[in-house]
Amino acid sequence: MTDRTVQMDANDSVPRVVVGVDDSPASHAALRWATRHAQLIGGVVEAVGAWEPPSHFGWSAPVVDHTFDRELAERRFADGLRAALDGEQPVEVRQAMVMGDPSDVLLDAARGAEVLVVGSDGRGGFTRALLGSVSTRCAQHAGCPVVIVRAKRQD
């Protein structure tokens, strides 16, 4: 896993299915969709997570260990991948945890990919305008097709 945005095996001749993964049920559904799609096209999945240090959000507490936040983010990311795949991994799943804005990280990772897959929690209207939407931004700016997966509703 890395601190900077990198393109994983961009020169690889195997089709790349890039998927954004966080702790949300929608991103876990997106990861499962991405693995099924990669299996169909003979590709690999590149599961990409993004993290931002607390200082990015204005936290002003002194930093005790510069690697703590990154290690915690990487551990949560790996745990989330295992939980989402539930022991089933029909294709190779490459992992990258990258420091940066999630939209920027995913758009960069998706360069040259077959498809970018993102989850959507279904927020719309004012909430999306206020918070910004990773899925909306990716759909508008990606250089490859984008699939937006929504988690099944638990009514």
C-alpha atoms as a PDB file:
ATOM      1  CA  MET A   1       0.000   0.000   0.000  1.00  0.00           C
ATOM      2  CA  THR A   2       1.199   3.476  -0.694  1.00  0.00           C
ATOM      3  CA  ASP A   3       1.021   7.149   0.315  1.00  0.00           C
ATOM      4  CA  ARG A   4       0.904   8.540  -3.169  1.00  0.00           C
ATOM      5  CA  THR A   5      -1.325   8.080  -6.107  1.00  0.00           C
ATOM      6  CA  VAL A   6       0.093   5.419  -8.361  1.00  0.00           C
ATOM      7  CA  GLN A   7      -1.197   3.469 -11.275  1.00  0.00           C
ATOM      8  CA  MET A   8      -0.918  -0.229 -10.566  1.00  0.00           C
ATOM      9  CA  ASP A   9       0.523  -2.240 -13.451  1.00  0.00           C
ATOM     10  CA  ALA A  10      -0.754   0.191 -16.084  1.00  0.00           C
ATOM     11  CA  ASN A  11       1.269  -1.590 -18.785  1.00  0.00           C
ATOM     12  CA  ASP A  12      -0.239  -4.950 -17.930  1.00  0.00           C
ATOM     13  CA  SER A  13      -2.090  -6.521 -20.856  1.00  0.00           C
ATOM     14  CA  VAL A  14      -4.764  -7.917 -18.519  1.00  0.00           C
ATOM     15  CA  PRO A  15      -7.941  -5.774 -18.360  1.00  0.00           C
ATOM     16  CA  ARG A  16      -8.096  -3.742 -15.157  1.00  0.00           C
ATOM     17  CA  VAL A  17     -11.307  -3.240 -13.225  1.00  0.00           C
ATOM     18  CA  VAL A  18     -10.713  -0.444 -10.726  1.00  0.00           C
ATOM     19  CA  VAL A  19     -13.089  -0.245  -7.767  1.00  0.00           C
ATOM     20  CA  GLY A  20     -13.304   2.289  -4.976  1.00  0.00           C
ATOM     21  CA  VAL A  21     -13.647   0.686  -1.563  1.00  0.00           C
ATOM     22  CA  ASP A  22     -14.466   2.238   1.792  1.00  0.00           C
ATOM     23  CA  ASP A  23     -16.480   1.013   4.782  1.00  0.00           C
ATOM     24  CA  SER A  24     -19.862   1.470   3.127  1.00  0.00           C
ATOM     25  CA  PRO A  25     -22.226  -1.340   2.105  1.00  0.00           C
ATOM     26  CA  ALA A  26     -22.424   0.255  -1.357  1.00  0.00           C
ATOM     27  CA  SER A  27     -18.672   0.010  -1.891  1.00  0.00           C
ATOM     28  CA  HIS A  28     -18.707  -3.612  -0.745  1.00  0.00           C
ATOM     29  CA  ALA A  29     -21.445  -4.307  -3.308  1.00  0.00           C
ATOM     30  CA  ALA A  30     -19.298  -2.496  -5.903  1.00  0.00           C
ATOM     31  CA  LEU A  31     -16.325  -4.720  -5.036  1.00  0.00           C
ATOM     32  CA  ARG A  32     -18.395  -7.861  -5.469  1.00  0.00           C
ATOM     33  CA  TRP A  33     -19.724  -6.551  -8.822  1.00  0.00           C
ATOM     34  CA  ALA A  34     -16.164  -5.720  -9.911  1.00  0.00           C
ATOM     35  CA  THR A  35     -14.896  -9.227  -9.119  1.00  0.00           C
ATOM     36  CA  ARG A  36     -17.736 -10.834 -11.083  1.00  0.00           C
ATOM     37  CA  HIS A  37     -17.110  -8.510 -14.039  1.00  0.00           C
ATOM     38  CA  ALA A  38     -13.347  -9.107 -13.959  1.00  0.00           C
ATOM     39  CA  GLN A  39     -13.994 -12.841 -13.977  1.00  0.00           C
ATOM     40  CA  LEU A  40     -16.177 -12.483 -17.077  1.00  0.00           C
ATOM     41  CA  ILE A  41     -13.595 -10.452 -19.013  1.00  0.00           C
ATOM     42  CA  GLY A  42     -10.491 -12.269 -17.767  1.00  0.00           C
ATOM     43  CA  GLY A  43      -9.275  -9.254 -15.833  1.00  0.00           C
ATOM     44  CA  VAL A  44      -7.952  -8.279 -12.447  1.00  0.00           C
ATOM     45  CA  VAL A  45      -9.529  -6.087  -9.808  1.00  0.00           C
ATOM     46  CA  GLU A  46      -7.679  -3.132  -8.402  1.00  0.00           C
ATOM     47  CA  ALA A  47      -9.360  -2.261  -5.116  1.00  0.00           C
ATOM     48  CA  VAL A  48      -8.468   1.308  -4.237  1.00  0.00           C
ATOM     49  CA  GLY A  49      -9.101   3.063  -0.961  1.00  0.00           C
ATOM     50  CA  ALA A  50      -8.386   6.678  -0.111  1.00  0.00           C
ATOM     51  CA  TRP A  51      -7.551   8.191   3.240  1.00  0.00           C
ATOM     52  CA  GLU A  52      -6.877  11.671   4.456  1.00  0.00           C
ATOM     53  CA  PRO A  53      -5.028  12.467   7.684  1.00  0.00           C
ATOM     54  CA  PRO A  54      -7.056  14.176  10.449  1.00  0.00           C
ATOM     55  CA  SER A  55      -5.006  17.354   9.900  1.00  0.00           C
ATOM     56  CA  HIS A  56      -6.722  17.655   6.508  1.00  0.00           C
ATOM     57  CA  PHE A  57      -9.992  18.240   8.344  1.00  0.00           C
ATOM     58  CA  GLY A  58      -8.561  20.878  10.699  1.00  0.00           C
ATOM     59  CA  TRP A  59      -7.553  18.705  13.633  1.00  0.00           C
ATOM     60  CA  SER A  60      -4.853  20.555  15.508  1.00  0.00           C
ATOM     61  CA  ALA A  61      -3.741  17.972  18.060  1.00  0.00           C
ATOM     62  CA  PRO A  62      -0.018  17.244  18.031  1.00  0.00           C
ATOM     63  CA  VAL A  63       0.988  14.261  15.959  1.00  0.00           C
ATOM     64  CA  VAL A  64       2.476  11.508  18.094  1.00  0.00           C
ATOM     65  CA  ASP A  65       3.127   8.920  15.392  1.00  0.00           C
ATOM     66  CA  HIS A  66       3.051   9.970  11.757  1.00  0.00           C
ATOM     67  CA  THR A  67       2.344   6.434  10.556  1.00  0.00           C
ATOM     68  CA  PHE A  68      -0.515   5.652  12.968  1.00  0.00           C
ATOM     69  CA  ASP A  69      -3.369   7.083  10.860  1.00  0.00           C
ATOM     70  CA  ARG A  70      -2.077   5.440   7.699  1.00  0.00           C
ATOM     71  CA  GLU A  71      -1.649   2.055   9.382  1.00  0.00           C
ATOM     72  CA  LEU A  72      -5.137   2.272  10.873  1.00  0.00           C
ATOM     73  CA  ALA A  73      -6.600   3.180   7.460  1.00  0.00           C
ATOM     74  CA  GLU A  74      -4.748   0.300   5.782  1.00  0.00           C
ATOM     75  CA  ARG A  75      -5.901  -2.181   8.430  1.00  0.00           C
ATOM     76  CA  ARG A  76      -9.533  -1.081   8.106  1.00  0.00           C
ATOM     77  CA  PHE A  77      -9.243  -1.239   4.315  1.00  0.00           C
ATOM     78  CA  ALA A  78      -7.883  -4.809   4.336  1.00  0.00           C
ATOM     79  CA  ASP A  79     -10.520  -5.900   6.885  1.00  0.00           C
ATOM     80  CA  GLY A  80     -13.255  -4.341   4.743  1.00  0.00           C
ATOM     81  CA  LEU A  81     -12.035  -6.170   1.634  1.00  0.00           C
ATOM     82  CA  ARG A  82     -12.057  -9.513   3.432  1.00  0.00           C
ATOM     83  CA  ALA A  83     -15.540  -8.873   4.823  1.00  0.00           C
ATOM     84  CA  ALA A  84     -16.934  -7.753   1.466  1.00  0.00           C
ATOM     85  CA  LEU A  85     -15.535 -10.740  -0.418  1.00  0.00           C
ATOM     86  CA  ASP A  86     -16.566 -13.143   2.358  1.00  0.00           C
ATOM     87  CA  GLY A  87     -13.770 -15.566   1.523  1.00  0.00           C
ATOM     88  CA  GLU A  88     -14.604 -15.681  -2.195  1.00  0.00           C
ATOM     89  CA  GLN A  89     -12.006 -14.288  -4.550  1.00  0.00           C
ATOM     90  CA  PRO A  90     -12.522 -15.654  -8.073  1.00  0.00           C
ATOM     91  CA  VAL A  91      -9.942 -13.263  -9.584  1.00  0.00           C
ATOM     92  CA  GLU A  92      -6.760 -11.538  -8.516  1.00  0.00           C
ATOM     93  CA  VAL A  93      -7.543  -8.536  -6.298  1.00  0.00           C
ATOM     94  CA  ARG A  94      -4.749  -5.987  -6.035  1.00  0.00           C
ATOM     95  CA  GLN A  95      -4.995  -3.514  -3.173  1.00  0.00           C
ATOM     96  CA  ALA A  96      -3.891   0.083  -2.799  1.00  0.00           C
ATOM     97  CA  MET A  97      -4.602   2.543   0.000  1.00  0.00           C
ATOM     98  CA  VAL A  98      -3.704   6.014  -1.223  1.00  0.00           C
ATOM     99  CA  MET A  99      -3.585   9.299   0.653  1.00  0.00           C
ATOM    100  CA  GLY A 100      -5.750  11.921  -0.998  1.00  0.00           C
ATOM    101  CA  ASP A 101      -9.225  13.012  -1.962  1.00  0.00           C
ATOM    102  CA  PRO A 102     -11.254   9.894  -2.900  1.00  0.00           C
ATOM    103  CA  SER A 103     -12.418  11.320  -6.242  1.00  0.00           C
ATOM    104  CA  ASP A 104      -8.909  12.328  -7.285  1.00  0.00           C
ATOM    105  CA  VAL A 105      -7.438   8.999  -6.154  1.00  0.00           C
ATOM    106  CA  LEU A 106     -10.024   6.976  -8.100  1.00  0.00           C
ATOM    107  CA  LEU A 107      -9.813   9.077 -11.249  1.00  0.00           C
ATOM    108  CA  ASP A 108      -6.034   8.719 -11.244  1.00  0.00           C
ATOM    109  CA  ALA A 109      -6.166   4.957 -10.593  1.00  0.00           C
ATOM    110  CA  ALA A 110      -8.718   4.482 -13.389  1.00  0.00           C
ATOM    111  CA  ARG A 111      -6.456   5.837 -16.149  1.00  0.00           C
ATOM    112  CA  GLY A 112      -6.209   3.115 -18.740  1.00  0.00           C
ATOM    113  CA  ALA A 113      -8.689   0.859 -16.919  1.00  0.00           C
ATOM    114  CA  GLU A 114     -11.412  -1.150 -18.596  1.00  0.00           C
ATOM    115  CA  VAL A 115     -13.966   0.239 -16.149  1.00  0.00           C
ATOM    116  CA  LEU A 116     -14.190   2.160 -12.866  1.00  0.00           C
ATOM    117  CA  VAL A 117     -16.696   0.813 -10.345  1.00  0.00           C
ATOM    118  CA  VAL A 118     -17.934   2.910  -7.430  1.00  0.00           C
ATOM    119  CA  GLY A 119     -20.614   2.496  -4.834  1.00  0.00           C
ATOM    120  CA  SER A 120     -23.305   5.051  -4.158  1.00  0.00           C
ATOM    121  CA  ASP A 121     -25.167   5.462  -0.902  1.00  0.00           C
ATOM    122  CA  GLY A 122     -28.041   7.116  -2.717  1.00  0.00           C
ATOM    123  CA  ARG A 123     -27.778  10.595  -1.268  1.00  0.00           C
ATOM    124  CA  GLY A 124     -29.126  13.117  -3.672  1.00  0.00           C
ATOM    125  CA  GLY A 125     -30.217  16.678  -4.079  1.00  0.00           C
ATOM    126  CA  PHE A 126     -29.055  19.133  -1.458  1.00  0.00           C
ATOM    127  CA  THR A 127     -27.019  16.588   0.517  1.00  0.00           C
ATOM    128  CA  ARG A 128     -25.001  15.667  -2.586  1.00  0.00           C
ATOM    129  CA  ALA A 129     -24.440  19.321  -3.446  1.00  0.00           C
ATOM    130  CA  LEU A 130     -23.337  20.082   0.091  1.00  0.00           C
ATOM    131  CA  LEU A 131     -21.077  17.082   0.616  1.00  0.00           C
ATOM    132  CA  GLY A 132     -19.967  16.413  -2.931  1.00  0.00           C
ATOM    133  CA  SER A 133     -20.348  13.000  -4.465  1.00  0.00           C
ATOM    134  CA  VAL A 134     -17.474  10.728  -5.364  1.00  0.00           C
ATOM    135  CA  SER A 135     -19.645   8.692  -7.713  1.00  0.00           C
ATOM    136  CA  THR A 136     -20.979  11.780  -9.491  1.00  0.00           C
ATOM    137  CA  ARG A 137     -17.523  13.274  -9.930  1.00  0.00           C
ATOM    138  CA  CYS A 138     -16.100   9.989 -11.191  1.00  0.00           C
ATOM    139  CA  ALA A 139     -18.963   9.573 -13.667  1.00  0.00           C
ATOM    140  CA  GLN A 140     -18.360  13.086 -14.992  1.00  0.00           C
ATOM    141  CA  HIS A 141     -14.579  12.977 -15.270  1.00  0.00           C
ATOM    142  CA  ALA A 142     -13.336   9.399 -15.708  1.00  0.00           C
ATOM    143  CA  GLY A 143     -11.592   8.482 -18.934  1.00  0.00           C
ATOM    144  CA  CYS A 144     -13.241   5.064 -18.960  1.00  0.00           C
ATOM    145  CA  PRO A 145     -16.765   3.709 -18.441  1.00  0.00           C
ATOM    146  CA  VAL A 146     -18.065   4.069 -14.883  1.00  0.00           C
ATOM    147  CA  VAL A 147     -20.442   1.667 -13.164  1.00  0.00           C
ATOM    148  CA  ILE A 148     -22.256   2.952 -10.092  1.00  0.00           C
ATOM    149  CA  VAL A 149     -23.485   0.219  -7.759  1.00  0.00           C
ATOM    150  CA  ARG A 150     -26.008   0.796  -5.029  1.00  0.00           C
ATOM    151  CA  ALA A 151     -26.278  -1.438  -1.997  1.00  0.00           C
ATOM    152  CA  LYS A 152     -29.512  -3.316  -1.488  1.00  0.00           C
ATOM    153  CA  ARG A 153     -31.846  -1.377   0.779  1.00  0.00           C
ATOM    154  CA  GLN A 154     -32.556  -2.870   4.168  1.00  0.00           C
ATOM    155  CA  ASP A 155     -36.214  -1.836   4.602  1.00  0.00           C
END
